[in-house]
Amino acid sequence: KARRAAGWQGRLLVHTHAGEGFATYYSRTPPAQ
């Protein structure tokens, strides 16, 4: 709103990361040495 009042005509983007997921590896069963 303040930008529009200053004469700028564009819109502002709200980009939010969501739903990507995250794969994490844990050594629940460590490989033999």
PDB file of all heavy atoms in Angstrom:
ATOM      1  N   LYS A   1       0.832  -1.206   0.000  1.00  0.00           N
ATOM      2  CA  LYS A   1       0.000   0.000   0.000  1.00  0.00           C
ATOM      3  C   LYS A   1       0.867   1.257   0.000  1.00  0.00           C
ATOM      4  O   LYS A   1       0.557   2.228  -0.711  1.00  0.00           O
ATOM      5  CB  LYS A   1      -0.927  -0.004   1.217  1.00  0.00           C
ATOM      6  CG  LYS A   1      -2.051  -1.011   1.126  1.00  0.00           C
ATOM      7  CD  LYS A   1      -3.182  -0.704   2.092  1.00  0.00           C
ATOM      8  CE  LYS A   1      -2.716  -0.762   3.526  1.00  0.00           C
ATOM      9  NZ  LYS A   1      -3.842  -0.535   4.468  1.00  0.00           N
ATOM     10  N   ALA A   2       1.954   1.256   0.780  1.00  0.00           N
ATOM     11  CA  ALA A   2       2.838   2.421   0.825  1.00  0.00           C
ATOM     12  C   ALA A   2       3.533   2.636  -0.518  1.00  0.00           C
ATOM     13  O   ALA A   2       3.696   3.775  -0.970  1.00  0.00           O
ATOM     14  CB  ALA A   2       3.871   2.240   1.939  1.00  0.00           C
ATOM     15  N   ARG A   3       3.917   1.561  -1.172  1.00  0.00           N
ATOM     16  CA  ARG A   3       4.528   1.679  -2.504  1.00  0.00           C
ATOM     17  C   ARG A   3       3.520   2.250  -3.509  1.00  0.00           C
ATOM     18  O   ARG A   3       3.863   3.092  -4.336  1.00  0.00           O
ATOM     19  CB  ARG A   3       5.006   0.307  -2.989  1.00  0.00           C
ATOM     20  CG  ARG A   3       6.309  -0.177  -2.366  1.00  0.00           C
ATOM     21  CD  ARG A   3       6.711  -1.481  -3.020  1.00  0.00           C
ATOM     22  NE  ARG A   3       8.030  -1.937  -2.615  1.00  0.00           N
ATOM     23  CZ  ARG A   3       8.853  -2.620  -3.407  1.00  0.00           C
ATOM     24  NH1 ARG A   3       8.485  -2.914  -4.651  1.00  0.00           N
ATOM     25  NH2 ARG A   3      10.032  -3.014  -2.977  1.00  0.00           N
ATOM     26  N   ARG A   4       2.293   1.768  -3.440  1.00  0.00           N
ATOM     27  CA  ARG A   4       1.272   2.249  -4.360  1.00  0.00           C
ATOM     28  C   ARG A   4       1.044   3.749  -4.142  1.00  0.00           C
ATOM     29  O   ARG A   4       0.897   4.518  -5.110  1.00  0.00           O
ATOM     30  CB  ARG A   4      -0.021   1.459  -4.147  1.00  0.00           C
ATOM     31  CG  ARG A   4      -1.070   1.659  -5.217  1.00  0.00           C
ATOM     32  CD  ARG A   4      -0.618   1.164  -6.586  1.00  0.00           C
ATOM     33  NE  ARG A   4      -0.295  -0.242  -6.645  1.00  0.00           N
ATOM     34  CZ  ARG A   4      -1.174  -1.234  -6.817  1.00  0.00           C
ATOM     35  NH1 ARG A   4      -2.451  -0.949  -6.939  1.00  0.00           N
ATOM     36  NH2 ARG A   4      -0.764  -2.487  -6.881  1.00  0.00           N
ATOM     37  N   ALA A   5       1.032   4.165  -2.886  1.00  0.00           N
ATOM     38  CA  ALA A   5       0.856   5.579  -2.571  1.00  0.00           C
ATOM     39  C   ALA A   5       2.020   6.420  -3.092  1.00  0.00           C
ATOM     40  O   ALA A   5       1.855   7.604  -3.408  1.00  0.00           O
ATOM     41  CB  ALA A   5       0.707   5.774  -1.066  1.00  0.00           C
ATOM     42  N   ALA A   6       3.192   5.789  -3.196  1.00  0.00           N
ATOM     43  CA  ALA A   6       4.373   6.498  -3.698  1.00  0.00           C
ATOM     44  C   ALA A   6       4.450   6.489  -5.219  1.00  0.00           C
ATOM     45  O   ALA A   6       5.408   7.048  -5.793  1.00  0.00           O
ATOM     46  CB  ALA A   6       5.642   5.873  -3.109  1.00  0.00           C
ATOM     47  N   GLY A   7       3.473   5.848  -5.873  1.00  0.00           N
ATOM     48  CA  GLY A   7       3.426   5.873  -7.332  1.00  0.00           C
ATOM     49  C   GLY A   7       3.863   4.600  -8.026  1.00  0.00           C
ATOM     50  O   GLY A   7       3.782   4.499  -9.250  1.00  0.00           O
ATOM     51  N   TRP A   8       4.324   3.603  -7.259  1.00  0.00           N
ATOM     52  CA  TRP A   8       4.734   2.338  -7.875  1.00  0.00           C
ATOM     53  C   TRP A   8       3.493   1.487  -8.116  1.00  0.00           C
ATOM     54  O   TRP A   8       2.687   1.280  -7.219  1.00  0.00           O
ATOM     55  CB  TRP A   8       5.714   1.609  -6.950  1.00  0.00           C
ATOM     56  CG  TRP A   8       6.397   0.428  -7.573  1.00  0.00           C
ATOM     57  CD1 TRP A   8       7.367   0.446  -8.529  1.00  0.00           C
ATOM     58  CD2 TRP A   8       6.181  -0.954  -7.254  1.00  0.00           C
ATOM     59  NE1 TRP A   8       7.782  -0.833  -8.833  1.00  0.00           N
ATOM     60  CE2 TRP A   8       7.062  -1.720  -8.071  1.00  0.00           C
ATOM     61  CE3 TRP A   8       5.340  -1.626  -6.374  1.00  0.00           C
ATOM     62  CZ2 TRP A   8       7.127  -3.111  -8.014  1.00  0.00           C
ATOM     63  CZ3 TRP A   8       5.393  -3.010  -6.317  1.00  0.00           C
ATOM     64  CH2 TRP A   8       6.279  -3.742  -7.134  1.00  0.00           C
ATOM     65  N   GLN A   9       3.310   0.951  -9.311  1.00  0.00           N
ATOM     66  CA  GLN A   9       2.065   0.281  -9.690  1.00  0.00           C
ATOM     67  C   GLN A   9       2.092  -1.235  -9.579  1.00  0.00           C
ATOM     68  O   GLN A   9       1.073  -1.899  -9.807  1.00  0.00           O
ATOM     69  CB  GLN A   9       1.692   0.665 -11.131  1.00  0.00           C
ATOM     70  CG  GLN A   9       1.391   2.145 -11.299  1.00  0.00           C
ATOM     71  CD  GLN A   9       0.276   2.603 -10.366  1.00  0.00           C
ATOM     72  OE1 GLN A   9      -0.796   2.006 -10.332  1.00  0.00           O
ATOM     73  NE2 GLN A   9       0.540   3.653  -9.603  1.00  0.00           N
ATOM     74  N   GLY A  10       3.228  -1.809  -9.244  1.00  0.00           N
ATOM     75  CA  GLY A  10       3.341  -3.260  -9.243  1.00  0.00           C
ATOM     76  C   GLY A  10       2.724  -3.926  -8.023  1.00  0.00           C
ATOM     77  O   GLY A  10       2.287  -3.274  -7.075  1.00  0.00           O
ATOM     78  N   ARG A  11       2.675  -5.254  -8.064  1.00  0.00           N
ATOM     79  CA  ARG A  11       2.247  -6.065  -6.919  1.00  0.00           C
ATOM     80  C   ARG A  11       3.484  -6.672  -6.260  1.00  0.00           C
ATOM     81  O   ARG A  11       4.506  -6.887  -6.907  1.00  0.00           O
ATOM     82  CB  ARG A  11       1.308  -7.186  -7.369  1.00  0.00           C
ATOM     83  CG  ARG A  11      -0.053  -6.723  -7.869  1.00  0.00           C
ATOM     84  CD  ARG A  11      -0.835  -7.921  -8.385  1.00  0.00           C
ATOM     85  NE  ARG A  11      -2.205  -7.599  -8.731  1.00  0.00           N
ATOM     86  CZ  ARG A  11      -2.599  -7.132  -9.909  1.00  0.00           C
ATOM     87  NH1 ARG A  11      -1.700  -6.914 -10.874  1.00  0.00           N
ATOM     88  NH2 ARG A  11      -3.868  -6.882 -10.148  1.00  0.00           N
ATOM     89  N   LEU A  12       3.373  -6.989  -4.975  1.00  0.00           N
ATOM     90  CA  LEU A  12       4.444  -7.672  -4.254  1.00  0.00           C
ATOM     91  C   LEU A  12       4.125  -9.163  -4.162  1.00  0.00           C
ATOM     92  O   LEU A  12       2.969  -9.554  -3.989  1.00  0.00           O
ATOM     93  CB  LEU A  12       4.608  -7.080  -2.849  1.00  0.00           C
ATOM     94  CG  LEU A  12       5.219  -5.680  -2.789  1.00  0.00           C
ATOM     95  CD1 LEU A  12       5.288  -5.183  -1.349  1.00  0.00           C
ATOM     96  CD2 LEU A  12       6.604  -5.649  -3.421  1.00  0.00           C
ATOM     97  N   LEU A  13       5.164  -9.978  -4.285  1.00  0.00           N
ATOM     98  CA  LEU A  13       5.022 -11.434  -4.263  1.00  0.00           C
ATOM     99  C   LEU A  13       5.342 -11.969  -2.874  1.00  0.00           C
ATOM    100  O   LEU A  13       6.341 -11.593  -2.268  1.00  0.00           O
ATOM    101  CB  LEU A  13       5.976 -12.058  -5.289  1.00  0.00           C
ATOM    102  CG  LEU A  13       6.036 -13.585  -5.324  1.00  0.00           C
ATOM    103  CD1 LEU A  13       4.708 -14.171  -5.779  1.00  0.00           C
ATOM    104  CD2 LEU A  13       7.166 -14.045  -6.248  1.00  0.00           C
ATOM    105  N   VAL A  14       4.486 -12.864  -2.396  1.00  0.00           N
ATOM    106  CA  VAL A  14       4.761 -13.623  -1.173  1.00  0.00           C
ATOM    107  C   VAL A  14       4.976 -15.074  -1.590  1.00  0.00           C
ATOM    108  O   VAL A  14       4.038 -15.768  -1.974  1.00  0.00           O
ATOM    109  CB  VAL A  14       3.604 -13.522  -0.164  1.00  0.00           C
ATOM    110  CG1 VAL A  14       3.887 -14.415   1.046  1.00  0.00           C
ATOM    111  CG2 VAL A  14       3.423 -12.080   0.287  1.00  0.00           C
ATOM    112  N   HIS A  15       6.211 -15.488  -1.556  1.00  0.00           N
ATOM    113  CA  HIS A  15       6.598 -16.838  -1.977  1.00  0.00           C
ATOM    114  C   HIS A  15       6.970 -17.623  -0.727  1.00  0.00           C
ATOM    115  O   HIS A  15       7.830 -17.193   0.043  1.00  0.00           O
ATOM    116  CB  HIS A  15       7.785 -16.749  -2.939  1.00  0.00           C
ATOM    117  CG  HIS A  15       8.241 -18.069  -3.471  1.00  0.00           C
ATOM    118  ND1 HIS A  15       9.286 -18.770  -2.935  1.00  0.00           N
ATOM    119  CD2 HIS A  15       7.800 -18.814  -4.516  1.00  0.00           C
ATOM    120  CE1 HIS A  15       9.480 -19.877  -3.616  1.00  0.00           C
ATOM    121  NE2 HIS A  15       8.581 -19.929  -4.580  1.00  0.00           N
ATOM    122  N   THR A  16       6.314 -18.760  -0.517  1.00  0.00           N
ATOM    123  CA  THR A  16       6.529 -19.531   0.702  1.00  0.00           C
ATOM    124  C   THR A  16       6.809 -20.984   0.353  1.00  0.00           C
ATOM    125  O   THR A  16       6.011 -21.620  -0.345  1.00  0.00           O
ATOM    126  CB  THR A  16       5.291 -19.460   1.623  1.00  0.00           C
ATOM    127  OG1 THR A  16       4.844 -18.103   1.722  1.00  0.00           O
ATOM    128  CG2 THR A  16       5.635 -19.981   3.007  1.00  0.00           C
ATOM    129  N   HIS A  17       7.920 -21.514   0.836  1.00  0.00           N
ATOM    130  CA  HIS A  17       8.245 -22.920   0.590  1.00  0.00           C
ATOM    131  C   HIS A  17       7.373 -23.809   1.469  1.00  0.00           C
ATOM    132  O   HIS A  17       7.320 -23.629   2.687  1.00  0.00           O
ATOM    133  CB  HIS A  17       9.718 -23.183   0.910  1.00  0.00           C
ATOM    134  CG  HIS A  17      10.651 -22.678  -0.135  1.00  0.00           C
ATOM    135  ND1 HIS A  17      11.744 -23.382  -0.576  1.00  0.00           N
ATOM    136  CD2 HIS A  17      10.653 -21.530  -0.850  1.00  0.00           C
ATOM    137  CE1 HIS A  17      12.386 -22.699  -1.506  1.00  0.00           C
ATOM    138  NE2 HIS A  17      11.742 -21.564  -1.685  1.00  0.00           N
ATOM    139  N   ALA A  18       6.712 -24.764   0.850  1.00  0.00           N
ATOM    140  CA  ALA A  18       5.855 -25.690   1.596  1.00  0.00           C
ATOM    141  C   ALA A  18       5.637 -26.937   0.775  1.00  0.00           C
ATOM    142  O   ALA A  18       5.562 -26.897  -0.448  1.00  0.00           O
ATOM    143  CB  ALA A  18       4.513 -25.045   1.921  1.00  0.00           C
ATOM    144  N   GLY A  19       5.507 -28.068   1.460  1.00  0.00           N
ATOM    145  CA  GLY A  19       5.157 -29.308   0.787  1.00  0.00           C
ATOM    146  C   GLY A  19       6.294 -29.965   0.039  1.00  0.00           C
ATOM    147  O   GLY A  19       6.073 -30.890  -0.741  1.00  0.00           O
ATOM    148  N   GLU A  20       7.522 -29.510   0.293  1.00  0.00           N
ATOM    149  CA  GLU A  20       8.652 -30.116  -0.405  1.00  0.00           C
ATOM    150  C   GLU A  20       9.068 -31.418   0.242  1.00  0.00           C
ATOM    151  O   GLU A  20       9.463 -32.366  -0.417  1.00  0.00           O
ATOM    152  CB  GLU A  20       9.832 -29.137  -0.420  1.00  0.00           C
ATOM    153  CG  GLU A  20      11.049 -29.650  -1.178  1.00  0.00           C
ATOM    154  CD  GLU A  20      12.160 -28.619  -1.225  1.00  0.00           C
ATOM    155  OE1 GLU A  20      12.096 -27.631  -0.476  1.00  0.00           O
ATOM    156  OE2 GLU A  20      13.098 -28.808  -2.005  1.00  0.00           O
ATOM    157  N   GLY A  21       8.993 -31.450   1.555  1.00  0.00           N
ATOM    158  CA  GLY A  21       9.437 -32.639   2.269  1.00  0.00           C
ATOM    159  C   GLY A  21      10.927 -32.604   2.515  1.00  0.00           C
ATOM    160  O   GLY A  21      11.657 -31.745   2.024  1.00  0.00           O
ATOM    161  N   PHE A  22      11.377 -33.550   3.297  1.00  0.00           N
ATOM    162  CA  PHE A  22      12.785 -33.594   3.704  1.00  0.00           C
ATOM    163  C   PHE A  22      13.139 -35.040   3.988  1.00  0.00           C
ATOM    164  O   PHE A  22      12.528 -35.665   4.848  1.00  0.00           O
ATOM    165  CB  PHE A  22      12.990 -32.735   4.952  1.00  0.00           C
ATOM    166  CG  PHE A  22      14.410 -32.623   5.426  1.00  0.00           C
ATOM    167  CD1 PHE A  22      15.184 -31.547   5.044  1.00  0.00           C
ATOM    168  CD2 PHE A  22      14.962 -33.575   6.259  1.00  0.00           C
ATOM    169  CE1 PHE A  22      16.490 -31.416   5.482  1.00  0.00           C
ATOM    170  CE2 PHE A  22      16.271 -33.458   6.702  1.00  0.00           C
ATOM    171  CZ  PHE A  22      17.028 -32.371   6.314  1.00  0.00           C
ATOM    172  N   ALA A  23      14.102 -35.569   3.253  1.00  0.00           N
ATOM    173  CA  ALA A  23      14.531 -36.946   3.472  1.00  0.00           C
ATOM    174  C   ALA A  23      15.821 -36.948   4.279  1.00  0.00           C
ATOM    175  O   ALA A  23      16.816 -36.370   3.869  1.00  0.00           O
ATOM    176  CB  ALA A  23      14.751 -37.657   2.142  1.00  0.00           C
ATOM    177  N   THR A  24      15.788 -37.549   5.446  1.00  0.00           N
ATOM    178  CA  THR A  24      16.960 -37.608   6.316  1.00  0.00           C
ATOM    179  C   THR A  24      17.358 -39.058   6.514  1.00  0.00           C
ATOM    180  O   THR A  24      16.509 -39.914   6.759  1.00  0.00           O
ATOM    181  CB  THR A  24      16.647 -36.973   7.687  1.00  0.00           C
ATOM    182  OG1 THR A  24      16.133 -35.672   7.489  1.00  0.00           O
ATOM    183  CG2 THR A  24      17.900 -36.889   8.530  1.00  0.00           C
ATOM    184  N   TYR A  25      18.650 -39.313   6.425  1.00  0.00           N
ATOM    185  CA  TYR A  25      19.152 -40.670   6.596  1.00  0.00           C
ATOM    186  C   TYR A  25      19.762 -40.832   7.981  1.00  0.00           C
ATOM    187  O   TYR A  25      20.557 -40.012   8.420  1.00  0.00           O
ATOM    188  CB  TYR A  25      20.201 -40.992   5.525  1.00  0.00           C
ATOM    189  CG  TYR A  25      19.610 -41.165   4.154  1.00  0.00           C
ATOM    190  CD1 TYR A  25      19.463 -40.080   3.299  1.00  0.00           C
ATOM    191  CD2 TYR A  25      19.159 -42.408   3.729  1.00  0.00           C
ATOM    192  CE1 TYR A  25      18.893 -40.230   2.045  1.00  0.00           C
ATOM    193  CE2 TYR A  25      18.586 -42.573   2.482  1.00  0.00           C
ATOM    194  CZ  TYR A  25      18.458 -41.478   1.646  1.00  0.00           C
ATOM    195  OH  TYR A  25      17.889 -41.632   0.417  1.00  0.00           O
ATOM    196  N   TYR A  26      19.364 -41.886   8.652  1.00  0.00           N
ATOM    197  CA  TYR A  26      19.905 -42.210   9.957  1.00  0.00           C
ATOM    198  C   TYR A  26      20.461 -43.632   9.926  1.00  0.00           C
ATOM    199  O   TYR A  26      19.920 -44.493   9.245  1.00  0.00           O
ATOM    200  CB  TYR A  26      18.821 -42.129  11.037  1.00  0.00           C
ATOM    201  CG  TYR A  26      18.225 -40.761  11.200  1.00  0.00           C
ATOM    202  CD1 TYR A  26      17.089 -40.383  10.508  1.00  0.00           C
ATOM    203  CD2 TYR A  26      18.829 -39.836  12.051  1.00  0.00           C
ATOM    204  CE1 TYR A  26      16.549 -39.121  10.653  1.00  0.00           C
ATOM    205  CE2 TYR A  26      18.298 -38.573  12.199  1.00  0.00           C
ATOM    206  CZ  TYR A  26      17.160 -38.218  11.505  1.00  0.00           C
ATOM    207  OH  TYR A  26      16.631 -36.966  11.638  1.00  0.00           O
ATOM    208  N   SER A  27      21.508 -43.872  10.702  1.00  0.00           N
ATOM    209  CA  SER A  27      22.076 -45.218  10.756  1.00  0.00           C
ATOM    210  C   SER A  27      21.374 -46.023  11.845  1.00  0.00           C
ATOM    211  O   SER A  27      21.938 -46.332  12.893  1.00  0.00           O
ATOM    212  CB  SER A  27      23.584 -45.147  11.029  1.00  0.00           C
ATOM    213  OG  SER A  27      24.255 -44.583   9.939  1.00  0.00           O
ATOM    214  N   ARG A  28      20.120 -46.339  11.587  1.00  0.00           N
ATOM    215  CA  ARG A  28      19.416 -47.205  12.533  1.00  0.00           C
ATOM    216  C   ARG A  28      20.014 -48.604  12.522  1.00  0.00           C
ATOM    217  O   ARG A  28      20.028 -49.302  13.528  1.00  0.00           O
ATOM    218  CB  ARG A  28      17.945 -47.287  12.147  1.00  0.00           C
ATOM    219  CG  ARG A  28      17.156 -46.021  12.437  1.00  0.00           C
ATOM    220  CD  ARG A  28      15.716 -46.209  11.979  1.00  0.00           C
ATOM    221  NE  ARG A  28      14.886 -45.092  12.384  1.00  0.00           N
ATOM    222  CZ  ARG A  28      13.608 -44.961  12.047  1.00  0.00           C
ATOM    223  NH1 ARG A  28      13.043 -45.882  11.287  1.00  0.00           N
ATOM    224  NH2 ARG A  28      12.910 -43.929  12.441  1.00  0.00           N
ATOM    225  N   THR A  29      20.488 -49.013  11.337  1.00  0.00           N
ATOM    226  CA  THR A  29      21.142 -50.317  11.218  1.00  0.00           C
ATOM    227  C   THR A  29      22.519 -50.082  10.615  1.00  0.00           C
ATOM    228  O   THR A  29      22.701 -50.203   9.403  1.00  0.00           O
ATOM    229  CB  THR A  29      20.320 -51.255  10.316  1.00  0.00           C
ATOM    230  OG1 THR A  29      20.068 -50.588   9.060  1.00  0.00           O
ATOM    231  CG2 THR A  29      18.997 -51.582  10.964  1.00  0.00           C
ATOM    232  N   PRO A  30      23.497 -49.683  11.430  1.00  0.00           N
ATOM    233  CA  PRO A  30      24.821 -49.336  10.901  1.00  0.00           C
ATOM    234  C   PRO A  30      25.426 -50.507  10.133  1.00  0.00           C
ATOM    235  O   PRO A  30      25.308 -51.670  10.549  1.00  0.00           O
ATOM    236  CB  PRO A  30      25.637 -49.038  12.166  1.00  0.00           C
ATOM    237  CG  PRO A  30      24.619 -48.740  13.216  1.00  0.00           C
ATOM    238  CD  PRO A  30      23.433 -49.585  12.880  1.00  0.00           C
ATOM    239  N   PRO A  31      26.066 -50.222   9.006  1.00  0.00           N
ATOM    240  CA  PRO A  31      26.726 -51.295   8.251  1.00  0.00           C
ATOM    241  C   PRO A  31      27.916 -51.848   9.023  1.00  0.00           C
ATOM    242  O   PRO A  31      28.540 -51.147   9.819  1.00  0.00           O
ATOM    243  CB  PRO A  31      27.180 -50.581   6.965  1.00  0.00           C
ATOM    244  CG  PRO A  31      27.278 -49.145   7.341  1.00  0.00           C
ATOM    245  CD  PRO A  31      26.224 -48.903   8.367  1.00  0.00           C
ATOM    246  N   ALA A  32      28.189 -53.116   8.764  1.00  0.00           N
ATOM    247  CA  ALA A  32      29.283 -53.773   9.473  1.00  0.00           C
ATOM    248  C   ALA A  32      30.622 -53.157   9.085  1.00  0.00           C
ATOM    249  O   ALA A  32      30.833 -52.760   7.942  1.00  0.00           O
ATOM    250  CB  ALA A  32      29.274 -55.269   9.160  1.00  0.00           C
ATOM    251  N   GLN A  33      31.513 -53.077  10.035  1.00  0.00           N
ATOM    252  CA  GLN A  33      32.876 -52.617   9.756  1.00  0.00           C
ATOM    253  C   GLN A  33      33.759 -53.829   9.475  1.00  0.00           C
ATOM    254  O   GLN A  33      33.453 -54.943   9.881  1.00  0.00           O
ATOM    255  CB  GLN A  33      33.392 -51.818  10.949  1.00  0.00           C
ATOM    256  CG  GLN A  33      32.610 -50.525  11.154  1.00  0.00           C
ATOM    257  CD  GLN A  33      33.304 -49.597  12.129  1.00  0.00           C
ATOM    258  OE1 GLN A  33      34.520 -49.631  12.283  1.00  0.00           O
ATOM    259  NE2 GLN A  33      32.525 -48.757  12.786  1.00  0.00           N
TER     260      GLN A  33
END
